[in-house]
PDB file of N, CA and C in Angstrom:
ATOM      1  N   UNK A   1       7.213 -12.756  -3.205  1.00  0.00           N
ATOM      2  CA  UNK A   1       8.267 -11.766  -3.068  1.00  0.00           C
ATOM      3  C   UNK A   1       8.331 -10.931  -4.341  1.00  0.00           C
ATOM      4  N   UNK A   2       8.753  -9.696  -4.179  1.00  0.00           N
ATOM      5  CA  UNK A   2       8.970  -8.846  -5.332  1.00  0.00           C
ATOM      6  C   UNK A   2      10.169  -7.966  -5.055  1.00  0.00           C
ATOM      7  N   UNK A   3      10.720  -7.380  -6.108  1.00  0.00           N
ATOM      8  CA  UNK A   3      11.880  -6.510  -5.953  1.00  0.00           C
ATOM      9  C   UNK A   3      11.418  -5.082  -5.742  1.00  0.00           C
ATOM     10  N   UNK A   4      12.029  -4.430  -4.795  1.00  0.00           N
ATOM     11  CA  UNK A   4      11.674  -3.054  -4.440  1.00  0.00           C
ATOM     12  C   UNK A   4      12.950  -2.235  -4.426  1.00  0.00           C
ATOM     13  N   UNK A   5      12.916  -1.073  -5.072  1.00  0.00           N
ATOM     14  CA  UNK A   5      14.054  -0.160  -5.030  1.00  0.00           C
ATOM     15  C   UNK A   5      13.720   0.950  -4.053  1.00  0.00           C
ATOM     16  N   UNK A   6      14.622   1.180  -3.118  1.00  0.00           N
ATOM     17  CA  UNK A   6      14.414   2.199  -2.089  1.00  0.00           C
ATOM     18  C   UNK A   6      15.726   2.909  -1.824  1.00  0.00           C
ATOM     19  N   UNK A   7      15.685   3.928  -0.979  1.00  0.00           N
ATOM     20  CA  UNK A   7      16.896   4.662  -0.620  1.00  0.00           C
ATOM     21  C   UNK A   7      17.193   4.453   0.854  1.00  0.00           C
ATOM     22  N   UNK A   8      18.405   4.049   1.153  1.00  0.00           N
ATOM     23  CA  UNK A   8      18.875   3.896   2.524  1.00  0.00           C
ATOM     24  C   UNK A   8      20.157   4.700   2.638  1.00  0.00           C
ATOM     25  N   UNK A   9      20.139   5.676   3.546  1.00  0.00           N
ATOM     26  CA  UNK A   9      21.306   6.558   3.738  1.00  0.00           C
ATOM     27  C   UNK A   9      21.785   7.133   2.415  1.00  0.00           C
ATOM     28  N   UNK A  10      20.848   7.651   1.612  1.00  0.00           N
ATOM     29  CA  UNK A  10      21.127   8.276   0.313  1.00  0.00           C
ATOM     30  C   UNK A  10      21.689   7.327  -0.738  1.00  0.00           C
ATOM     31  N   UNK A  11      21.610   6.014  -0.511  1.00  0.00           N
ATOM     32  CA  UNK A  11      22.045   5.039  -1.506  1.00  0.00           C
ATOM     33  C   UNK A  11      20.832   4.290  -2.017  1.00  0.00           C
ATOM     34  N   UNK A  12      20.746   4.122  -3.338  1.00  0.00           N
ATOM     35  CA  UNK A  12      19.644   3.365  -3.917  1.00  0.00           C
ATOM     36  C   UNK A  12      19.929   1.873  -3.750  1.00  0.00           C
ATOM     37  N   UNK A  13      18.968   1.150  -3.156  1.00  0.00           N
ATOM     38  CA  UNK A  13      19.138  -0.259  -2.852  1.00  0.00           C
ATOM     39  C   UNK A  13      17.937  -1.027  -3.394  1.00  0.00           C
ATOM     40  N   UNK A  14      18.182  -2.154  -4.050  1.00  0.00           N
ATOM     41  CA  UNK A  14      17.113  -3.026  -4.502  1.00  0.00           C
ATOM     42  C   UNK A  14      17.060  -4.229  -3.579  1.00  0.00           C
ATOM     43  N   UNK A  15      15.847  -4.490  -3.035  1.00  0.00           N
ATOM     44  CA  UNK A  15      15.685  -5.567  -2.067  1.00  0.00           C
ATOM     45  C   UNK A  15      14.530  -6.461  -2.495  1.00  0.00           C
ATOM     46  N   UNK A  16      14.585  -7.713  -2.039  1.00  0.00           N
ATOM     47  CA  UNK A  16      13.461  -8.622  -2.204  1.00  0.00           C
ATOM     48  C   UNK A  16      12.510  -8.381  -1.032  1.00  0.00           C
ATOM     49  N   UNK A  17      11.259  -8.074  -1.335  1.00  0.00           N
ATOM     50  CA  UNK A  17      10.290  -7.754  -0.296  1.00  0.00           C
ATOM     51  C   UNK A  17       9.167  -8.783  -0.305  1.00  0.00           C
ATOM     52  N   UNK A  18       8.754  -9.211   0.880  1.00  0.00           N
ATOM     53  CA  UNK A  18       7.698 -10.209   1.032  1.00  0.00           C
ATOM     54  C   UNK A  18       6.333  -9.531   1.038  1.00  0.00           C
ATOM     55  N   UNK A  19       5.343 -10.192   0.450  1.00  0.00           N
ATOM     56  CA  UNK A  19       3.963  -9.738   0.510  1.00  0.00           C
ATOM     57  C   UNK A  19       3.161 -10.749   1.314  1.00  0.00           C
ATOM     58  N   UNK A  20       2.417 -10.250   2.330  1.00  0.00           N
ATOM     59  CA  UNK A  20       1.596 -11.125   3.162  1.00  0.00           C
ATOM     60  C   UNK A  20       0.220 -10.496   3.354  1.00  0.00           C
ATOM     61  N   UNK A  21      -0.698 -11.243   3.928  1.00  0.00           N
ATOM     62  CA  UNK A  21      -2.012 -10.710   4.254  1.00  0.00           C
ATOM     63  C   UNK A  21      -1.973 -10.047   5.631  1.00  0.00           C
ATOM     64  N   UNK A  22      -2.938  -9.185   5.881  1.00  0.00           N
ATOM     65  CA  UNK A  22      -3.033  -8.540   7.188  1.00  0.00           C
ATOM     66  C   UNK A  22      -3.270  -9.578   8.278  1.00  0.00           C
ATOM     67  N   UNK A  23      -4.010 -10.629   7.952  1.00  0.00           N
ATOM     68  CA  UNK A  23      -4.280 -11.681   8.933  1.00  0.00           C
ATOM     69  C   UNK A  23      -2.991 -12.394   9.335  1.00  0.00           C
ATOM     70  N   UNK A  24      -2.143 -12.695   8.358  1.00  0.00           N
ATOM     71  CA  UNK A  24      -0.872 -13.348   8.662  1.00  0.00           C
ATOM     72  C   UNK A  24       0.002 -12.426   9.520  1.00  0.00           C
ATOM     73  N   UNK A  25       0.010 -11.131   9.200  1.00  0.00           N
ATOM     74  CA  UNK A  25       0.788 -10.173   9.984  1.00  0.00           C
ATOM     75  C   UNK A  25       0.297 -10.139  11.426  1.00  0.00           C
ATOM     76  N   UNK A  26      -1.021 -10.107  11.616  1.00  0.00           N
ATOM     77  CA  UNK A  26      -1.591 -10.035  12.968  1.00  0.00           C
ATOM     78  C   UNK A  26      -1.244 -11.261  13.797  1.00  0.00           C
ATOM     79  N   UNK A  27      -1.092 -12.410  13.152  1.00  0.00           N
ATOM     80  CA  UNK A  27      -0.794 -13.646  13.884  1.00  0.00           C
ATOM     81  C   UNK A  27       0.660 -13.725  14.332  1.00  0.00           C
ATOM     82  N   UNK A  28       1.546 -13.004  13.661  1.00  0.00           N
ATOM     83  CA  UNK A  28       2.960 -13.094  14.008  1.00  0.00           C
ATOM     84  C   UNK A  28       3.651 -11.751  13.791  1.00  0.00           C
ATOM     85  N   UNK A  29       3.224 -10.735  14.538  1.00  0.00           N
ATOM     86  CA  UNK A  29       3.715  -9.373  14.377  1.00  0.00           C
ATOM     87  C   UNK A  29       5.230  -9.286  14.556  1.00  0.00           C
ATOM     88  N   UNK A  30       5.756  -9.888  15.623  1.00  0.00           N
ATOM     89  CA  UNK A  30       7.186  -9.772  15.909  1.00  0.00           C
ATOM     90  C   UNK A  30       8.031 -10.309  14.752  1.00  0.00           C
ATOM     91  N   UNK A  31       7.676 -11.460  14.239  1.00  0.00           N
ATOM     92  CA  UNK A  31       8.435 -12.059  13.130  1.00  0.00           C
ATOM     93  C   UNK A  31       8.430 -11.142  11.912  1.00  0.00           C
ATOM     94  N   UNK A  32       7.246 -10.623  11.556  1.00  0.00           N
ATOM     95  CA  UNK A  32       7.153  -9.818  10.343  1.00  0.00           C
ATOM     96  C   UNK A  32       7.774  -8.431  10.511  1.00  0.00           C
ATOM     97  N   UNK A  33       7.772  -7.884  11.719  1.00  0.00           N
ATOM     98  CA  UNK A  33       8.463  -6.608  11.922  1.00  0.00           C
ATOM     99  C   UNK A  33       9.965  -6.779  11.764  1.00  0.00           C
ATOM    100  N   UNK A  34      10.503  -7.877  12.269  1.00  0.00           N
ATOM    101  CA  UNK A  34      11.927  -8.158  12.075  1.00  0.00           C
ATOM    102  C   UNK A  34      12.238  -8.291  10.586  1.00  0.00           C
ATOM    103  N   UNK A  35      11.374  -8.991   9.861  1.00  0.00           N
ATOM    104  CA  UNK A  35      11.587  -9.155   8.423  1.00  0.00           C
ATOM    105  C   UNK A  35      11.494  -7.807   7.706  1.00  0.00           C
ATOM    106  N   UNK A  36      10.548  -6.966   8.142  1.00  0.00           N
ATOM    107  CA  UNK A  36      10.392  -5.651   7.522  1.00  0.00           C
ATOM    108  C   UNK A  36      11.653  -4.812   7.684  1.00  0.00           C
ATOM    109  N   UNK A  37      12.312  -4.921   8.839  1.00  0.00           N
ATOM    110  CA  UNK A  37      13.546  -4.172   9.062  1.00  0.00           C
ATOM    111  C   UNK A  37      14.676  -4.668   8.171  1.00  0.00           C
ATOM    112  N   UNK A  38      14.665  -5.954   7.850  1.00  0.00           N
ATOM    113  CA  UNK A  38      15.725  -6.519   7.015  1.00  0.00           C
ATOM    114  C   UNK A  38      15.468  -6.299   5.530  1.00  0.00           C
ATOM    115  N   UNK A  39      14.245  -6.580   5.077  1.00  0.00           N
ATOM    116  CA  UNK A  39      13.977  -6.585   3.634  1.00  0.00           C
ATOM    117  C   UNK A  39      12.786  -5.757   3.211  1.00  0.00           C
ATOM    118  N   UNK A  40      11.997  -5.273   4.145  1.00  0.00           N
ATOM    119  CA  UNK A  40      10.769  -4.585   3.770  1.00  0.00           C
ATOM    120  C   UNK A  40       9.628  -5.583   3.693  1.00  0.00           C
ATOM    121  N   UNK A  41       8.416  -5.075   3.761  1.00  0.00           N
ATOM    122  CA  UNK A  41       7.244  -5.942   3.818  1.00  0.00           C
ATOM    123  C   UNK A  41       6.049  -5.216   3.224  1.00  0.00           C
ATOM    124  N   UNK A  42       5.285  -5.925   2.395  1.00  0.00           N
ATOM    125  CA  UNK A  42       4.010  -5.417   1.893  1.00  0.00           C
ATOM    126  C   UNK A  42       2.902  -6.225   2.538  1.00  0.00           C
ATOM    127  N   UNK A  43       1.902  -5.526   3.054  1.00  0.00           N
ATOM    128  CA  UNK A  43       0.761  -6.185   3.672  1.00  0.00           C
ATOM    129  C   UNK A  43      -0.468  -5.810   2.868  1.00  0.00           C
ATOM    130  N   UNK A  44      -1.255  -6.838   2.472  1.00  0.00           N
ATOM    131  CA  UNK A  44      -2.478  -6.612   1.724  1.00  0.00           C
ATOM    132  C   UNK A  44      -3.650  -6.821   2.668  1.00  0.00           C
ATOM    133  N   UNK A  45      -4.500  -5.796   2.805  1.00  0.00           N
ATOM    134  CA  UNK A  45      -5.654  -5.907   3.688  1.00  0.00           C
ATOM    135  C   UNK A  45      -6.774  -6.666   2.992  1.00  0.00           C
ATOM    136  N   UNK A  46      -7.795  -7.041   3.764  1.00  0.00           N
ATOM    137  CA  UNK A  46      -8.929  -7.768   3.182  1.00  0.00           C
ATOM    138  C   UNK A  46      -9.703  -6.896   2.195  1.00  0.00           C
ATOM    139  N   UNK A  47      -9.551  -5.562   2.297  1.00  0.00           N
ATOM    140  CA  UNK A  47     -10.196  -4.648   1.349  1.00  0.00           C
ATOM    141  C   UNK A  47      -9.335  -4.386   0.114  1.00  0.00           C
ATOM    142  N   UNK A  48      -8.171  -5.022   0.055  1.00  0.00           N
ATOM    143  CA  UNK A  48      -7.290  -4.871  -1.096  1.00  0.00           C
ATOM    144  C   UNK A  48      -6.349  -3.679  -1.013  1.00  0.00           C
ATOM    145  N   UNK A  49      -6.281  -3.031   0.128  1.00  0.00           N
ATOM    146  CA  UNK A  49      -5.354  -1.921   0.289  1.00  0.00           C
ATOM    147  C   UNK A  49      -3.955  -2.463   0.583  1.00  0.00           C
ATOM    148  N   UNK A  50      -2.952  -1.701   0.196  1.00  0.00           N
ATOM    149  CA  UNK A  50      -1.565  -2.126   0.351  1.00  0.00           C
ATOM    150  C   UNK A  50      -0.866  -1.247   1.373  1.00  0.00           C
ATOM    151  N   UNK A  51      -0.201  -1.876   2.334  1.00  0.00           N
ATOM    152  CA  UNK A  51       0.640  -1.174   3.299  1.00  0.00           C
ATOM    153  C   UNK A  51       2.077  -1.592   3.050  1.00  0.00           C
ATOM    154  N   UNK A  52       2.980  -0.645   3.156  1.00  0.00           N
ATOM    155  CA  UNK A  52       4.403  -0.933   2.964  1.00  0.00           C
ATOM    156  C   UNK A  52       5.121  -0.608   4.255  1.00  0.00           C
ATOM    157  N   UNK A  53       5.803  -1.593   4.819  1.00  0.00           N
ATOM    158  CA  UNK A  53       6.581  -1.391   6.042  1.00  0.00           C
ATOM    159  C   UNK A  53       8.037  -1.659   5.711  1.00  0.00           C
ATOM    160  N   UNK A  54       8.890  -0.714   6.071  1.00  0.00           N
ATOM    161  CA  UNK A  54      10.312  -0.881   5.821  1.00  0.00           C
ATOM    162  C   UNK A  54      11.106  -0.015   6.767  1.00  0.00           C
ATOM    163  N   UNK A  55      12.379  -0.204   6.751  1.00  0.00           N
ATOM    164  CA  UNK A  55      13.255   0.567   7.630  1.00  0.00           C
ATOM    165  C   UNK A  55      13.317   2.000   7.131  1.00  0.00           C
ATOM    166  N   UNK A  56      13.096   2.911   8.027  1.00  0.00           N
ATOM    167  CA  UNK A  56      13.129   4.328   7.686  1.00  0.00           C
ATOM    168  C   UNK A  56      14.493   4.911   8.030  1.00  0.00           C
ATOM    169  N   UNK A  57      14.673   6.128   7.597  1.00  0.00           N
ATOM    170  CA  UNK A  57      15.898   6.854   7.889  1.00  0.00           C
ATOM    171  C   UNK A  57      16.015   7.039   9.407  1.00  0.00           C
ATOM    172  N   UNK A  58      17.196   6.927   9.925  1.00  0.00           N
ATOM    173  CA  UNK A  58      17.419   7.122  11.357  1.00  0.00           C
ATOM    174  C   UNK A  58      17.072   8.555  11.749  1.00  0.00           C
ATOM    175  N   UNK A  59      16.541   8.729  12.959  1.00  0.00           N
ATOM    176  CA  UNK A  59      16.169  10.053  13.437  1.00  0.00           C
ATOM    177  C   UNK A  59      17.323  10.696  14.196  1.00  0.00           C
ATOM    178  N   UNK A  60      17.354  12.005  14.150  1.00  0.00           N
ATOM    179  CA  UNK A  60      18.348  12.756  14.914  1.00  0.00           C
ATOM    180  C   UNK A  60      17.879  12.842  16.358  1.00  0.00           C
ATOM    181  N   UNK A  61      18.689  13.447  17.209  1.00  0.00           N
ATOM    182  CA  UNK A  61      18.310  13.582  18.620  1.00  0.00           C
ATOM    183  C   UNK A  61      17.079  14.463  18.796  1.00  0.00           C
ATOM    184  N   UNK A  62      16.717  15.238  17.760  1.00  0.00           N
ATOM    185  CA  UNK A  62      15.526  16.081  17.809  1.00  0.00           C
ATOM    186  C   UNK A  62      14.273  15.359  17.315  1.00  0.00           C
ATOM    187  N   UNK A  63      14.407  14.087  16.941  1.00  0.00           N
ATOM    188  CA  UNK A  63      13.260  13.318  16.471  1.00  0.00           C
ATOM    189  C   UNK A  63      12.889  13.583  15.028  1.00  0.00           C
ATOM    190  N   UNK A  64      13.813  14.128  14.262  1.00  0.00           N
ATOM    191  CA  UNK A  64      13.591  14.419  12.849  1.00  0.00           C
ATOM    192  C   UNK A  64      14.548  13.589  11.999  1.00  0.00           C
ATOM    193  N   UNK A  65      14.206  13.401  10.731  1.00  0.00           N
ATOM    194  CA  UNK A  65      15.178  12.792   9.831  1.00  0.00           C
ATOM    195  C   UNK A  65      16.231  13.852   9.522  1.00  0.00           C
ATOM    196  N   UNK A  66      17.410  13.458   9.077  1.00  0.00           N
ATOM    197  CA  UNK A  66      18.419  14.464   8.727  1.00  0.00           C
ATOM    198  C   UNK A  66      17.904  15.475   7.701  1.00  0.00           C
ATOM    199  N   UNK A  67      17.112  15.012   6.737  1.00  0.00           N
ATOM    200  CA  UNK A  67      16.562  15.920   5.720  1.00  0.00           C
ATOM    201  C   UNK A  67      15.594  16.917   6.361  1.00  0.00           C
ATOM    202  N   UNK A  68      14.705  16.436   7.243  1.00  0.00           N
ATOM    203  CA  UNK A  68      13.767  17.328   7.922  1.00  0.00           C
ATOM    204  C   UNK A  68      14.508  18.357   8.773  1.00  0.00           C
ATOM    205  N   UNK A  69      15.549  17.913   9.449  1.00  0.00           N
ATOM    206  CA  UNK A  69      16.327  18.824  10.290  1.00  0.00           C
ATOM    207  C   UNK A  69      17.006  19.892   9.438  1.00  0.00           C
ATOM    208  N   UNK A  70      17.537  19.501   8.285  1.00  0.00           N
ATOM    209  CA  UNK A  70      18.178  20.457   7.385  1.00  0.00           C
ATOM    210  C   UNK A  70      17.163  21.479   6.871  1.00  0.00           C
ATOM    211  N   UNK A  71      15.961  21.003   6.496  1.00  0.00           N
ATOM    212  CA  UNK A  71      14.926  21.915   6.011  1.00  0.00           C
ATOM    213  C   UNK A  71      14.478  22.875   7.114  1.00  0.00           C
ATOM    214  N   UNK A  72      14.346  22.385   8.341  1.00  0.00           N
ATOM    215  CA  UNK A  72      13.983  23.244   9.467  1.00  0.00           C
ATOM    216  C   UNK A  72      15.040  24.312   9.688  1.00  0.00           C
ATOM    217  N   UNK A  73      16.308  23.909   9.646  1.00  0.00           N
ATOM    218  CA  UNK A  73      17.402  24.872   9.842  1.00  0.00           C
ATOM    219  C   UNK A  73      17.376  25.942   8.754  1.00  0.00           C
ATOM    220  N   UNK A  74      17.118  25.547   7.516  1.00  0.00           N
ATOM    221  CA  UNK A  74      17.032  26.532   6.426  1.00  0.00           C
ATOM    222  C   UNK A  74      15.880  27.506   6.658  1.00  0.00           C
ATOM    223  N   UNK A  75      14.744  26.993   7.145  1.00  0.00           N
ATOM    224  CA  UNK A  75      13.584  27.851   7.417  1.00  0.00           C
ATOM    225  C   UNK A  75      13.895  28.846   8.527  1.00  0.00           C
ATOM    226  N   UNK A  76      14.576  28.374   9.566  1.00  0.00           N
ATOM    227  CA  UNK A  76      14.961  29.259  10.665  1.00  0.00           C
ATOM    228  C   UNK A  76      15.899  30.349  10.152  1.00  0.00           C
ATOM    229  N   UNK A  77      16.878  29.971   9.350  1.00  0.00           N
ATOM    230  CA  UNK A  77      17.826  30.948   8.813  1.00  0.00           C
ATOM    231  C   UNK A  77      17.115  31.962   7.915  1.00  0.00           C
ATOM    232  N   UNK A  78      16.147  31.491   7.112  1.00  0.00           N
ATOM    233  CA  UNK A  78      15.387  32.412   6.248  1.00  0.00           C
ATOM    234  C   UNK A  78      14.568  33.372   7.100  1.00  0.00           C
ATOM    235  N   UNK A  79      13.980  32.874   8.186  1.00  0.00           N
ATOM    236  CA  UNK A  79      13.222  33.736   9.090  1.00  0.00           C
ATOM    237  C   UNK A  79      14.099  34.775   9.757  1.00  0.00           C
ATOM    238  N   UNK A  80      15.283  34.371  10.177  1.00  0.00           N
ATOM    239  CA  UNK A  80      16.222  35.314  10.781  1.00  0.00           C
ATOM    240  C   UNK A  80      16.631  36.393   9.787  1.00  0.00           C
ATOM    241  N   UNK A  81      16.844  36.004   8.533  1.00  0.00           N
ATOM    242  CA  UNK A  81      17.197  36.977   7.493  1.00  0.00           C
ATOM    243  C   UNK A  81      16.041  37.946   7.262  1.00  0.00           C
ATOM    244  N   UNK A  82      14.794  37.435   7.255  1.00  0.00           N
ATOM    245  CA  UNK A  82      13.627  38.309   7.114  1.00  0.00           C
ATOM    246  C   UNK A  82      13.579  39.338   8.242  1.00  0.00           C
ATOM    247  N   UNK A  83      13.865  38.904   9.481  1.00  0.00           N
ATOM    248  CA  UNK A  83      13.865  39.823  10.615  1.00  0.00           C
ATOM    249  C   UNK A  83      14.939  40.904  10.440  1.00  0.00           C
ATOM    250  N   UNK A  84      16.154  40.490  10.054  1.00  0.00           N
ATOM    251  CA  UNK A  84      17.251  41.451   9.857  1.00  0.00           C
ATOM    252  C   UNK A  84      16.906  42.458   8.756  1.00  0.00           C
ATOM    253  N   UNK A  85      16.181  41.988   7.722  1.00  0.00           N
ATOM    254  CA  UNK A  85      15.843  42.857   6.592  1.00  0.00           C
ATOM    255  C   UNK A  85      14.564  43.662   6.836  1.00  0.00           C
ATOM    256  N   UNK A  86      13.943  43.469   7.998  1.00  0.00           N
ATOM    257  CA  UNK A  86      12.743  44.240   8.316  1.00  0.00           C
ATOM    258  C   UNK A  86      11.473  43.700   7.683  1.00  0.00           C
ATOM    259  N   UNK A  87      11.510  42.474   7.214  1.00  0.00           N
ATOM    260  CA  UNK A  87      10.330  41.873   6.586  1.00  0.00           C
ATOM    261  C   UNK A  87       9.502  41.128   7.635  1.00  0.00           C
ATOM    262  N   UNK A  88       8.763  41.883   8.436  1.00  0.00           N
ATOM    263  CA  UNK A  88       7.901  41.289   9.449  1.00  0.00           C
ATOM    264  C   UNK A  88       6.803  42.278   9.809  1.00  0.00           C
ATOM    265  N   UNK A  89       5.787  41.785  10.478  1.00  0.00           N
ATOM    266  CA  UNK A  89       4.691  42.621  10.961  1.00  0.00           C
ATOM    267  C   UNK A  89       4.605  42.453  12.467  1.00  0.00           C
ATOM    268  N   UNK A  90       4.460  43.559  13.165  1.00  0.00           N
ATOM    269  CA  UNK A  90       4.378  43.533  14.614  1.00  0.00           C
ATOM    270  C   UNK A  90       2.966  43.931  15.038  1.00  0.00           C
ATOM    271  N   UNK A  91       2.387  43.179  15.966  1.00  0.00           N
ATOM    272  CA  UNK A  91       1.073  43.515  16.529  1.00  0.00           C
ATOM    273  C   UNK A  91       1.192  43.494  18.044  1.00  0.00           C
ATOM    274  N   UNK A  92       0.361  44.300  18.720  1.00  0.00           N
ATOM    275  CA  UNK A  92       0.484  44.435  20.171  1.00  0.00           C
ATOM    276  C   UNK A  92      -0.625  43.735  20.946  1.00  0.00           C
ATOM    277  N   UNK A  93      -1.763  43.548  20.330  1.00  0.00           N
ATOM    278  CA  UNK A  93      -2.890  42.971  21.071  1.00  0.00           C
ATOM    279  C   UNK A  93      -3.466  41.786  20.306  1.00  0.00           C
ATOM    280  N   UNK A  94      -4.193  40.930  20.982  1.00  0.00           N
ATOM    281  CA  UNK A  94      -4.864  39.820  20.280  1.00  0.00           C
ATOM    282  C   UNK A  94      -5.835  40.322  19.206  1.00  0.00           C
ATOM    283  N   UNK A  95      -6.448  41.463  19.449  1.00  0.00           N
ATOM    284  CA  UNK A  95      -7.384  42.016  18.465  1.00  0.00           C
ATOM    285  C   UNK A  95      -6.648  42.450  17.193  1.00  0.00           C
ATOM    286  N   UNK A  96      -5.482  43.089  17.364  1.00  0.00           N
ATOM    287  CA  UNK A  96      -4.668  43.469  16.203  1.00  0.00           C
ATOM    288  C   UNK A  96      -4.220  42.235  15.430  1.00  0.00           C
ATOM    289  N   UNK A  97      -3.838  41.198  16.162  1.00  0.00           N
ATOM    290  CA  UNK A  97      -3.423  39.955  15.517  1.00  0.00           C
ATOM    291  C   UNK A  97      -4.575  39.365  14.718  1.00  0.00           C
ATOM    292  N   UNK A  98      -5.767  39.317  15.302  1.00  0.00           N
ATOM    293  CA  UNK A  98      -6.918  38.750  14.609  1.00  0.00           C
ATOM    294  C   UNK A  98      -7.253  39.561  13.359  1.00  0.00           C
ATOM    295  N   UNK A  99      -7.195  40.891  13.464  1.00  0.00           N
ATOM    296  CA  UNK A  99      -7.458  41.736  12.306  1.00  0.00           C
ATOM    297  C   UNK A  99      -6.434  41.492  11.201  1.00  0.00           C
ATOM    298  N   UNK A 100      -5.167  41.339  11.585  1.00  0.00           N
ATOM    299  CA  UNK A 100      -4.118  41.036  10.610  1.00  0.00           C
ATOM    300  C   UNK A 100      -4.381  39.696   9.927  1.00  0.00           C
ATOM    301  N   UNK A 101      -4.695  38.667  10.708  1.00  0.00           N
ATOM    302  CA  UNK A 101      -4.950  37.342  10.130  1.00  0.00           C
ATOM    303  C   UNK A 101      -6.196  37.339   9.259  1.00  0.00           C
ATOM    304  N   UNK A 102      -7.229  38.073   9.654  1.00  0.00           N
ATOM    305  CA  UNK A 102      -8.448  38.156   8.841  1.00  0.00           C
ATOM    306  C   UNK A 102      -8.197  38.811   7.497  1.00  0.00           C
ATOM    307  N   UNK A 103      -7.219  39.711   7.465  1.00  0.00           N
ATOM    308  CA  UNK A 103      -6.914  40.429   6.223  1.00  0.00           C
ATOM    309  C   UNK A 103      -6.091  39.590   5.239  1.00  0.00           C
ATOM    310  N   UNK A 104      -5.556  38.510   5.682  1.00  0.00           N
ATOM    311  CA  UNK A 104      -4.720  37.677   4.798  1.00  0.00           C
ATOM    312  C   UNK A 104      -5.537  36.964   3.750  1.00  0.00           C
TER     313      UNK A 104
END
């Protein structure tokens, strides 16, 4: 076991996390997934690579984390402002679009 500091719902939390081999995980997936949700889990592969499994931020109804949803909303608002300010390019045909993209 080792101590891991992570963020859950914007709060910094220190947890004891178990380290196991990939073989042990494969033999008892259900048990270790439950443990990962409670405390987090590190899995070491036979090649020495490390995997970290832990509880992630809850998703919104759109399938995004709250942070991702906020960033998407900001991008949409910035795009709308660009449209209002006339900062856009209009093309009428696929050929015009391709020429525009080639020029970038």
